[in-house]
N, C-alpha and C. Protein backbone atom coordinates (compact mmCIF):
# COMPACT_ATOMS: atom_id res chain seq x y z
N UNK A 1 149.64 130.41 89.22
CA UNK A 1 148.37 130.81 88.97
C UNK A 1 148.24 130.92 87.41
N UNK A 2 147.11 130.41 86.82
CA UNK A 2 146.91 130.23 85.49
C UNK A 2 145.46 130.50 85.13
N UNK A 3 145.13 131.09 84.08
CA UNK A 3 143.80 131.44 83.49
C UNK A 3 143.35 130.26 82.71
N UNK A 4 142.16 129.79 82.90
CA UNK A 4 141.47 128.80 82.10
C UNK A 4 140.34 129.24 81.37
N UNK A 5 140.20 128.92 80.08
CA UNK A 5 139.13 129.37 79.28
C UNK A 5 137.95 128.27 79.36
N UNK A 6 136.80 128.59 78.80
CA UNK A 6 135.63 127.79 79.03
C UNK A 6 135.88 126.36 78.49
N UNK A 7 136.55 126.23 77.27
CA UNK A 7 136.76 124.81 76.79
C UNK A 7 137.63 124.03 77.75
N UNK A 8 138.58 124.65 78.46
CA UNK A 8 139.37 123.92 79.40
C UNK A 8 138.61 123.56 80.60
N UNK A 9 137.71 124.55 81.12
CA UNK A 9 136.88 124.19 82.27
C UNK A 9 135.92 123.10 81.93
N UNK A 10 135.32 123.03 80.74
CA UNK A 10 134.45 121.97 80.40
C UNK A 10 135.14 120.65 80.35
N UNK A 11 136.39 120.64 79.74
CA UNK A 11 137.20 119.39 79.74
C UNK A 11 137.56 118.93 81.16
N UNK A 12 137.99 119.83 81.94
CA UNK A 12 138.39 119.48 83.38
C UNK A 12 137.24 118.95 84.19
N UNK A 13 136.09 119.66 84.04
CA UNK A 13 134.95 119.23 85.03
C UNK A 13 134.04 118.24 84.42
N UNK A 14 133.97 118.05 83.07
CA UNK A 14 133.01 117.20 82.47
C UNK A 14 131.68 117.79 82.41
N UNK A 15 131.50 119.15 82.74
CA UNK A 15 130.12 119.81 82.73
C UNK A 15 130.04 120.58 81.43
N UNK A 16 128.82 120.73 81.05
CA UNK A 16 128.55 121.47 79.69
C UNK A 16 128.65 122.96 80.09
N UNK A 17 128.78 123.75 79.00
CA UNK A 17 128.89 125.25 78.94
C UNK A 17 127.72 125.77 79.81
N UNK A 18 126.43 125.41 79.61
CA UNK A 18 125.34 125.93 80.12
C UNK A 18 125.25 125.57 81.63
N UNK A 19 125.62 124.33 82.04
CA UNK A 19 125.63 123.92 83.45
C UNK A 19 126.63 124.76 84.16
N UNK A 20 127.88 124.99 83.65
CA UNK A 20 128.83 125.95 84.28
C UNK A 20 128.27 127.29 84.47
N UNK A 21 127.63 127.94 83.57
CA UNK A 21 127.00 129.21 83.56
C UNK A 21 125.95 129.19 84.69
N UNK A 22 125.06 128.17 84.58
CA UNK A 22 123.99 128.05 85.53
C UNK A 22 124.47 127.92 87.03
N UNK A 23 125.46 127.07 87.27
CA UNK A 23 126.13 126.91 88.56
C UNK A 23 126.76 128.28 89.07
N UNK A 24 127.37 129.03 88.12
CA UNK A 24 127.95 130.30 88.46
C UNK A 24 126.97 131.27 88.86
N UNK A 25 125.82 131.39 88.11
CA UNK A 25 124.82 132.23 88.54
C UNK A 25 124.17 131.92 89.87
N UNK A 26 124.12 130.74 90.08
CA UNK A 26 123.54 130.20 91.36
C UNK A 26 124.54 130.33 92.53
N UNK A 27 125.79 130.76 92.26
CA UNK A 27 126.72 130.92 93.36
C UNK A 27 127.43 129.56 93.73
N UNK A 28 127.25 128.58 92.85
CA UNK A 28 127.76 127.21 93.19
C UNK A 28 129.00 126.92 92.34
N UNK A 29 129.55 127.84 91.65
CA UNK A 29 130.71 127.74 90.80
C UNK A 29 131.50 128.98 90.87
N UNK A 30 132.84 128.90 90.80
CA UNK A 30 133.73 130.10 90.90
C UNK A 30 133.27 131.17 89.74
N UNK A 31 133.41 132.40 90.15
CA UNK A 31 133.11 133.43 89.27
C UNK A 31 134.19 133.67 88.24
N UNK A 32 133.88 133.95 86.95
CA UNK A 32 134.87 134.12 85.95
C UNK A 32 135.51 135.53 86.13
N UNK A 33 136.70 135.71 85.59
CA UNK A 33 137.47 136.95 85.63
C UNK A 33 137.42 137.61 84.19
N UNK A 34 137.24 138.80 84.11
CA UNK A 34 137.34 139.53 82.83
C UNK A 34 138.72 139.81 82.50
N UNK A 35 139.22 139.41 81.44
CA UNK A 35 140.65 139.53 80.97
C UNK A 35 140.76 140.81 80.07
N UNK A 36 139.63 140.99 79.23
CA UNK A 36 139.56 142.17 78.47
C UNK A 36 138.08 142.32 78.06
N UNK A 37 137.83 143.27 77.26
CA UNK A 37 136.41 143.65 76.94
C UNK A 37 135.63 142.39 76.44
N UNK A 38 136.24 141.54 75.69
CA UNK A 38 135.58 140.36 75.11
C UNK A 38 136.10 139.07 75.44
N UNK A 39 136.85 139.02 76.68
CA UNK A 39 137.51 137.73 77.00
C UNK A 39 137.35 137.56 78.51
N UNK A 40 136.91 136.41 78.92
CA UNK A 40 136.87 135.88 80.36
C UNK A 40 137.52 134.60 80.56
N UNK A 41 137.85 134.34 81.78
CA UNK A 41 138.54 133.07 82.14
C UNK A 41 138.42 132.85 83.57
N UNK A 42 138.67 131.63 84.09
CA UNK A 42 138.62 131.37 85.40
C UNK A 42 140.03 131.09 85.94
N UNK A 43 140.27 131.32 87.24
CA UNK A 43 141.62 130.99 87.86
C UNK A 43 141.63 129.46 88.16
N UNK A 44 142.82 128.90 87.81
CA UNK A 44 142.94 127.43 87.99
C UNK A 44 142.88 127.09 89.42
N UNK A 45 143.25 127.94 90.38
CA UNK A 45 143.21 127.74 91.76
C UNK A 45 141.81 127.69 92.22
N UNK A 46 140.93 128.61 91.69
CA UNK A 46 139.47 128.69 92.05
C UNK A 46 138.89 127.34 91.64
N UNK A 47 139.13 126.83 90.44
CA UNK A 47 138.50 125.66 89.92
C UNK A 47 139.03 124.47 90.82
N UNK A 48 140.29 124.40 91.11
CA UNK A 48 140.81 123.34 91.98
C UNK A 48 140.17 123.29 93.34
N UNK A 49 139.98 124.41 93.93
CA UNK A 49 139.18 124.57 95.24
C UNK A 49 137.87 124.04 95.14
N UNK A 50 137.22 124.42 94.01
CA UNK A 50 135.82 124.00 93.82
C UNK A 50 135.74 122.46 93.63
N UNK A 51 136.66 121.89 92.92
CA UNK A 51 136.67 120.47 92.63
C UNK A 51 136.84 119.73 93.96
N UNK A 52 137.75 120.28 94.85
CA UNK A 52 137.99 119.59 96.07
C UNK A 52 136.78 119.75 97.05
N UNK A 53 136.04 120.71 96.87
CA UNK A 53 134.98 120.95 97.75
C UNK A 53 133.66 120.11 97.40
N UNK A 54 133.78 119.40 96.31
CA UNK A 54 132.66 118.65 95.76
C UNK A 54 132.56 117.28 96.66
N UNK A 55 131.39 116.98 97.04
CA UNK A 55 131.17 115.78 97.83
C UNK A 55 131.58 114.45 97.10
N UNK A 56 132.08 113.53 97.78
CA UNK A 56 132.37 112.28 97.20
C UNK A 56 131.12 111.44 97.09
N UNK A 57 130.90 110.95 95.89
CA UNK A 57 129.64 110.26 95.63
C UNK A 57 129.66 108.91 96.25
N UNK A 58 128.55 108.50 96.87
CA UNK A 58 128.38 107.20 97.43
C UNK A 58 127.66 106.26 96.33
N UNK A 59 128.14 105.10 96.28
CA UNK A 59 127.52 104.19 95.39
C UNK A 59 126.18 103.69 96.05
N UNK A 60 125.12 103.60 95.27
CA UNK A 60 123.95 103.06 95.71
C UNK A 60 123.64 101.74 95.16
N UNK A 61 122.76 101.00 95.90
CA UNK A 61 122.43 99.59 95.48
C UNK A 61 123.29 98.63 96.28
N UNK A 62 123.26 97.39 95.80
CA UNK A 62 123.96 96.39 96.50
C UNK A 62 124.93 95.56 95.59
N UNK A 63 125.48 96.20 94.61
CA UNK A 63 126.38 95.55 93.71
C UNK A 63 127.55 95.08 94.43
N UNK A 64 128.04 93.83 94.29
CA UNK A 64 129.20 93.27 94.99
C UNK A 64 128.90 92.60 96.23
N UNK A 65 127.59 92.76 96.71
CA UNK A 65 127.25 91.93 98.02
C UNK A 65 126.60 90.72 97.56
N UNK A 66 126.75 89.74 98.51
CA UNK A 66 126.14 88.41 98.24
C UNK A 66 124.97 88.24 99.29
N UNK A 67 123.95 87.67 98.86
CA UNK A 67 122.81 87.32 99.69
C UNK A 67 122.68 85.88 99.93
N UNK A 68 123.31 84.98 99.13
CA UNK A 68 123.22 83.58 99.45
C UNK A 68 124.35 83.30 100.43
N UNK A 69 124.27 82.17 101.08
CA UNK A 69 125.30 81.68 101.95
C UNK A 69 126.48 81.13 101.30
N UNK A 70 126.42 81.06 100.02
CA UNK A 70 127.50 80.36 99.28
C UNK A 70 128.67 81.17 98.97
N UNK A 71 128.67 82.42 99.45
CA UNK A 71 129.84 83.26 99.23
C UNK A 71 129.92 83.77 97.79
N UNK A 72 128.77 83.74 97.04
CA UNK A 72 128.77 84.22 95.72
C UNK A 72 128.92 83.23 94.63
N UNK A 73 129.18 81.94 95.04
CA UNK A 73 129.47 80.92 94.07
C UNK A 73 128.17 80.61 93.20
N UNK A 74 128.29 80.61 91.91
CA UNK A 74 127.26 80.28 91.08
C UNK A 74 126.83 78.85 91.01
N UNK A 75 127.69 78.02 91.38
CA UNK A 75 127.36 76.56 91.24
C UNK A 75 128.05 75.84 92.39
N UNK A 76 127.75 74.64 92.68
CA UNK A 76 128.55 73.95 93.63
C UNK A 76 127.85 73.16 94.54
């Protein structure tokens, strides 16, 4: 178990500071832990569980599919 500070959380998740705080307030992100009067951090295990719980994004559109009968050949 390891404590992660906000900069590390931002780097790991790709989320901004405000997005992390907004998600936390909405109950959609792990709660931070108070380390001292002026210091907070998140548990690495909480962040890992949150990351694993995120849905896998589906690609939208038709990239990579062919609509012509030529198998995608541009000429011929």
